[in-house]
Amino acid sequence: MTVEPIGDRVLVKVLEEEAKTPSGIILPDTAKEKPQRGVVVAVGESSYDEPIPVEVGDKVMFAKFSGTEIKLEGEDHLILEIGDILARIKD
């Protein structure tokens, strides 16, 4: 299935948070934070004069309780409005 965001929306594949702390303690699912990082999979066409500032393949950080959650091919994705993306992550 192919999903194409409409307007100023972005499709992001959610990256799972670490299941272990830096000291080696394994966290149960109930103690894990909701993921806030992902990889841009698709970008809609901006409905404004300014282009959308992210591209496919960019790693991004987004607001904790934002977007619409969907599953594509068994993996978690979010459809986010461009305003919900807080930063681009550079490695």
N, C-alpha and C. Protein backbone atom coordinates (compact mmCIF):
# COMPACT_ATOMS: atom_id res chain seq x y z
N MET A 1 0.85 -1.17 0.00
CA MET A 1 0.00 0.00 0.00
C MET A 1 0.89 1.24 0.00
N THR A 2 0.52 2.21 -0.78
CA THR A 2 1.25 3.46 -0.86
C THR A 2 0.41 4.57 -0.23
N VAL A 3 1.03 5.36 0.64
CA VAL A 3 0.36 6.47 1.28
C VAL A 3 1.06 7.76 0.88
N GLU A 4 0.31 8.70 0.31
CA GLU A 4 0.85 9.99 -0.07
C GLU A 4 0.19 11.06 0.78
N PRO A 5 0.96 11.77 1.62
CA PRO A 5 0.38 12.84 2.43
C PRO A 5 -0.16 13.96 1.56
N ILE A 6 -1.21 14.61 2.04
CA ILE A 6 -1.84 15.70 1.31
C ILE A 6 -1.53 17.02 2.02
N GLY A 7 -1.31 18.06 1.25
CA GLY A 7 -1.06 19.39 1.81
C GLY A 7 0.28 19.46 2.51
N ASP A 8 0.29 20.08 3.69
CA ASP A 8 1.55 20.27 4.42
C ASP A 8 1.74 19.18 5.47
N ARG A 9 1.51 17.93 5.07
CA ARG A 9 1.68 16.80 5.98
C ARG A 9 2.86 15.94 5.54
N VAL A 10 3.38 15.17 6.50
CA VAL A 10 4.55 14.34 6.27
C VAL A 10 4.29 12.95 6.86
N LEU A 11 4.66 11.90 6.14
CA LEU A 11 4.56 10.54 6.64
C LEU A 11 5.91 10.16 7.21
N VAL A 12 5.91 9.74 8.50
CA VAL A 12 7.15 9.44 9.22
C VAL A 12 7.08 8.01 9.76
N LYS A 13 8.15 7.23 9.51
CA LYS A 13 8.27 5.91 10.12
C LYS A 13 8.87 6.11 11.51
N VAL A 14 8.18 5.64 12.53
CA VAL A 14 8.60 5.84 13.91
C VAL A 14 9.80 4.95 14.24
N LEU A 15 10.83 5.54 14.84
CA LEU A 15 11.99 4.79 15.31
C LEU A 15 11.76 4.42 16.76
N GLU A 16 11.94 3.16 17.10
CA GLU A 16 11.73 2.69 18.46
C GLU A 16 12.78 3.25 19.40
N GLU A 17 12.35 3.57 20.61
CA GLU A 17 13.27 4.05 21.63
C GLU A 17 14.04 2.86 22.21
N GLU A 18 15.16 3.16 22.84
CA GLU A 18 15.99 2.13 23.45
C GLU A 18 15.21 1.38 24.53
N ALA A 19 15.37 0.07 24.60
CA ALA A 19 14.71 -0.74 25.61
C ALA A 19 15.61 -0.93 26.83
N LYS A 20 16.80 -0.30 26.77
CA LYS A 20 17.76 -0.46 27.85
C LYS A 20 18.37 0.89 28.18
N THR A 21 18.57 1.17 29.47
CA THR A 21 19.20 2.41 29.90
C THR A 21 20.70 2.34 29.65
N PRO A 22 21.39 3.48 29.68
CA PRO A 22 22.85 3.44 29.48
C PRO A 22 23.59 2.56 30.50
N SER A 23 23.01 2.39 31.69
CA SER A 23 23.66 1.56 32.71
C SER A 23 23.33 0.08 32.55
N GLY A 24 22.46 -0.28 31.57
CA GLY A 24 22.19 -1.68 31.29
C GLY A 24 20.88 -2.21 31.83
N ILE A 25 20.06 -1.38 32.44
CA ILE A 25 18.77 -1.82 32.98
C ILE A 25 17.78 -1.93 31.83
N ILE A 26 17.13 -3.09 31.71
CA ILE A 26 16.14 -3.31 30.67
C ILE A 26 14.80 -2.76 31.14
N LEU A 27 14.20 -1.90 30.29
CA LEU A 27 12.94 -1.26 30.63
C LEU A 27 11.76 -2.09 30.13
N PRO A 28 10.73 -2.30 30.97
CA PRO A 28 9.53 -2.96 30.49
C PRO A 28 8.74 -2.00 29.60
N ASP A 29 7.82 -2.54 28.80
CA ASP A 29 7.03 -1.71 27.89
C ASP A 29 6.28 -0.61 28.61
N THR A 30 5.82 -0.86 29.84
CA THR A 30 5.05 0.14 30.57
C THR A 30 5.90 1.32 31.02
N ALA A 31 7.21 1.17 31.07
CA ALA A 31 8.10 2.25 31.52
C ALA A 31 8.73 3.03 30.37
N LYS A 32 8.53 2.56 29.15
CA LYS A 32 9.14 3.21 28.00
C LYS A 32 8.42 4.52 27.68
N GLU A 33 9.18 5.48 27.21
CA GLU A 33 8.62 6.75 26.74
C GLU A 33 8.03 6.53 25.35
N LYS A 34 7.04 7.34 25.01
CA LYS A 34 6.48 7.30 23.67
C LYS A 34 7.55 7.83 22.70
N PRO A 35 7.80 7.13 21.59
CA PRO A 35 8.85 7.57 20.66
C PRO A 35 8.59 8.97 20.13
N GLN A 36 9.68 9.72 19.92
CA GLN A 36 9.58 11.07 19.38
C GLN A 36 10.53 11.28 18.21
N ARG A 37 11.06 10.18 17.66
CA ARG A 37 11.98 10.28 16.54
C ARG A 37 11.50 9.39 15.41
N GLY A 38 11.82 9.79 14.18
CA GLY A 38 11.44 8.98 13.05
C GLY A 38 12.18 9.38 11.79
N VAL A 39 11.88 8.66 10.71
CA VAL A 39 12.47 8.91 9.41
C VAL A 39 11.35 9.29 8.44
N VAL A 40 11.55 10.36 7.70
CA VAL A 40 10.55 10.83 6.75
C VAL A 40 10.46 9.84 5.59
N VAL A 41 9.24 9.36 5.32
CA VAL A 41 9.01 8.38 4.26
C VAL A 41 8.39 9.06 3.03
N ALA A 42 7.51 10.04 3.27
CA ALA A 42 6.86 10.74 2.16
C ALA A 42 6.51 12.16 2.61
N VAL A 43 6.51 13.09 1.66
CA VAL A 43 6.22 14.49 1.95
C VAL A 43 5.13 14.97 1.01
N GLY A 44 4.12 15.65 1.58
CA GLY A 44 3.06 16.22 0.76
C GLY A 44 3.54 17.48 0.06
N GLU A 45 2.66 18.04 -0.76
CA GLU A 45 2.98 19.30 -1.43
C GLU A 45 2.44 20.42 -0.57
N SER A 46 3.28 21.37 -0.26
CA SER A 46 2.90 22.47 0.61
C SER A 46 1.75 23.26 0.00
N SER A 47 0.81 23.65 0.84
CA SER A 47 -0.31 24.48 0.38
C SER A 47 0.01 25.96 0.56
N TYR A 48 1.20 26.26 1.04
CA TYR A 48 1.64 27.64 1.24
C TYR A 48 2.72 27.97 0.22
N ASP A 49 3.19 29.21 0.22
CA ASP A 49 4.24 29.62 -0.72
C ASP A 49 5.59 29.02 -0.37
N GLU A 50 5.81 28.69 0.93
CA GLU A 50 7.10 28.14 1.36
C GLU A 50 7.11 26.62 1.19
N PRO A 51 8.23 26.06 0.73
CA PRO A 51 8.32 24.60 0.59
C PRO A 51 8.44 23.95 1.97
N ILE A 52 8.11 22.66 2.04
CA ILE A 52 8.24 21.91 3.28
C ILE A 52 9.74 21.69 3.53
N PRO A 53 10.22 22.00 4.76
CA PRO A 53 11.67 22.00 5.02
C PRO A 53 12.31 20.64 5.28
N VAL A 54 11.61 19.54 5.06
CA VAL A 54 12.20 18.22 5.23
C VAL A 54 12.06 17.44 3.93
N GLU A 55 12.93 16.46 3.76
CA GLU A 55 12.92 15.62 2.57
C GLU A 55 12.84 14.16 2.97
N VAL A 56 12.47 13.31 2.04
CA VAL A 56 12.43 11.87 2.28
C VAL A 56 13.82 11.41 2.72
N GLY A 57 13.88 10.63 3.81
CA GLY A 57 15.13 10.12 4.33
C GLY A 57 15.67 10.90 5.51
N ASP A 58 15.16 12.12 5.75
CA ASP A 58 15.60 12.92 6.90
C ASP A 58 15.14 12.28 8.20
N LYS A 59 16.00 12.28 9.22
CA LYS A 59 15.60 11.88 10.56
C LYS A 59 15.07 13.13 11.26
N VAL A 60 13.91 12.99 11.91
CA VAL A 60 13.29 14.14 12.55
C VAL A 60 12.86 13.82 13.97
N MET A 61 12.68 14.87 14.76
CA MET A 61 12.12 14.78 16.10
C MET A 61 10.77 15.49 16.05
N PHE A 62 9.74 14.85 16.62
CA PHE A 62 8.40 15.43 16.56
C PHE A 62 7.79 15.52 17.95
N ALA A 63 6.73 16.30 18.08
CA ALA A 63 6.04 16.48 19.35
C ALA A 63 5.50 15.14 19.85
N LYS A 64 5.50 14.96 21.16
CA LYS A 64 5.19 13.66 21.77
C LYS A 64 3.80 13.12 21.44
N PHE A 65 2.78 13.92 21.55
CA PHE A 65 1.41 13.44 21.33
C PHE A 65 0.81 14.05 20.08
N SER A 66 1.52 13.98 18.98
CA SER A 66 1.06 14.60 17.74
C SER A 66 0.84 13.56 16.66
N GLY A 67 0.15 13.96 15.63
CA GLY A 67 -0.03 13.12 14.46
C GLY A 67 -1.08 12.04 14.59
N THR A 68 -1.28 11.35 13.50
CA THR A 68 -2.22 10.24 13.42
C THR A 68 -1.43 8.96 13.21
N GLU A 69 -1.60 8.02 14.13
CA GLU A 69 -0.85 6.77 14.08
C GLU A 69 -1.49 5.81 13.08
N ILE A 70 -0.65 5.20 12.23
CA ILE A 70 -1.11 4.17 11.30
C ILE A 70 -0.07 3.06 11.25
N LYS A 71 -0.49 1.88 10.81
CA LYS A 71 0.44 0.76 10.61
C LYS A 71 0.51 0.49 9.11
N LEU A 72 1.74 0.44 8.60
CA LEU A 72 1.97 0.10 7.21
C LEU A 72 2.93 -1.08 7.18
N GLU A 73 2.49 -2.16 6.60
CA GLU A 73 3.30 -3.38 6.49
C GLU A 73 3.85 -3.80 7.85
N GLY A 74 3.04 -3.66 8.90
CA GLY A 74 3.41 -4.10 10.24
C GLY A 74 4.29 -3.15 11.02
N GLU A 75 4.60 -1.97 10.46
CA GLU A 75 5.47 -1.01 11.15
C GLU A 75 4.68 0.25 11.48
N ASP A 76 5.04 0.88 12.63
CA ASP A 76 4.36 2.08 13.08
C ASP A 76 4.79 3.29 12.27
N HIS A 77 3.81 4.07 11.83
CA HIS A 77 4.05 5.32 11.11
C HIS A 77 3.15 6.40 11.69
N LEU A 78 3.49 7.64 11.44
CA LEU A 78 2.67 8.79 11.83
C LEU A 78 2.48 9.69 10.62
N ILE A 79 1.28 10.25 10.50
CA ILE A 79 1.06 11.33 9.55
C ILE A 79 1.05 12.60 10.39
N LEU A 80 2.04 13.46 10.15
CA LEU A 80 2.23 14.67 10.94
C LEU A 80 2.00 15.91 10.10
N GLU A 81 1.48 16.96 10.74
CA GLU A 81 1.48 18.26 10.10
C GLU A 81 2.89 18.82 10.26
N ILE A 82 3.32 19.64 9.33
CA ILE A 82 4.69 20.13 9.35
C ILE A 82 5.01 20.89 10.64
N GLY A 83 4.02 21.51 11.27
CA GLY A 83 4.22 22.23 12.52
C GLY A 83 4.51 21.32 13.70
N ASP A 84 4.21 20.02 13.58
CA ASP A 84 4.49 19.06 14.66
C ASP A 84 5.93 18.57 14.64
N ILE A 85 6.65 18.84 13.54
CA ILE A 85 8.06 18.45 13.47
C ILE A 85 8.88 19.53 14.14
N LEU A 86 9.62 19.13 15.17
CA LEU A 86 10.37 20.08 15.98
C LEU A 86 11.78 20.32 15.47
N ALA A 87 12.44 19.29 14.92
CA ALA A 87 13.82 19.44 14.51
C ALA A 87 14.22 18.35 13.53
N ARG A 88 15.25 18.62 12.75
CA ARG A 88 15.88 17.63 11.90
C ARG A 88 17.10 17.12 12.67
N ILE A 89 17.29 15.81 12.70
CA ILE A 89 18.40 15.21 13.44
C ILE A 89 19.54 14.93 12.46
N LYS A 90 20.71 15.43 12.76
CA LYS A 90 21.90 15.19 11.92
C LYS A 90 22.82 14.26 12.66
N ASP A 91 23.25 13.20 12.00
CA ASP A 91 24.17 12.23 12.62
C ASP A 91 25.61 12.59 12.36
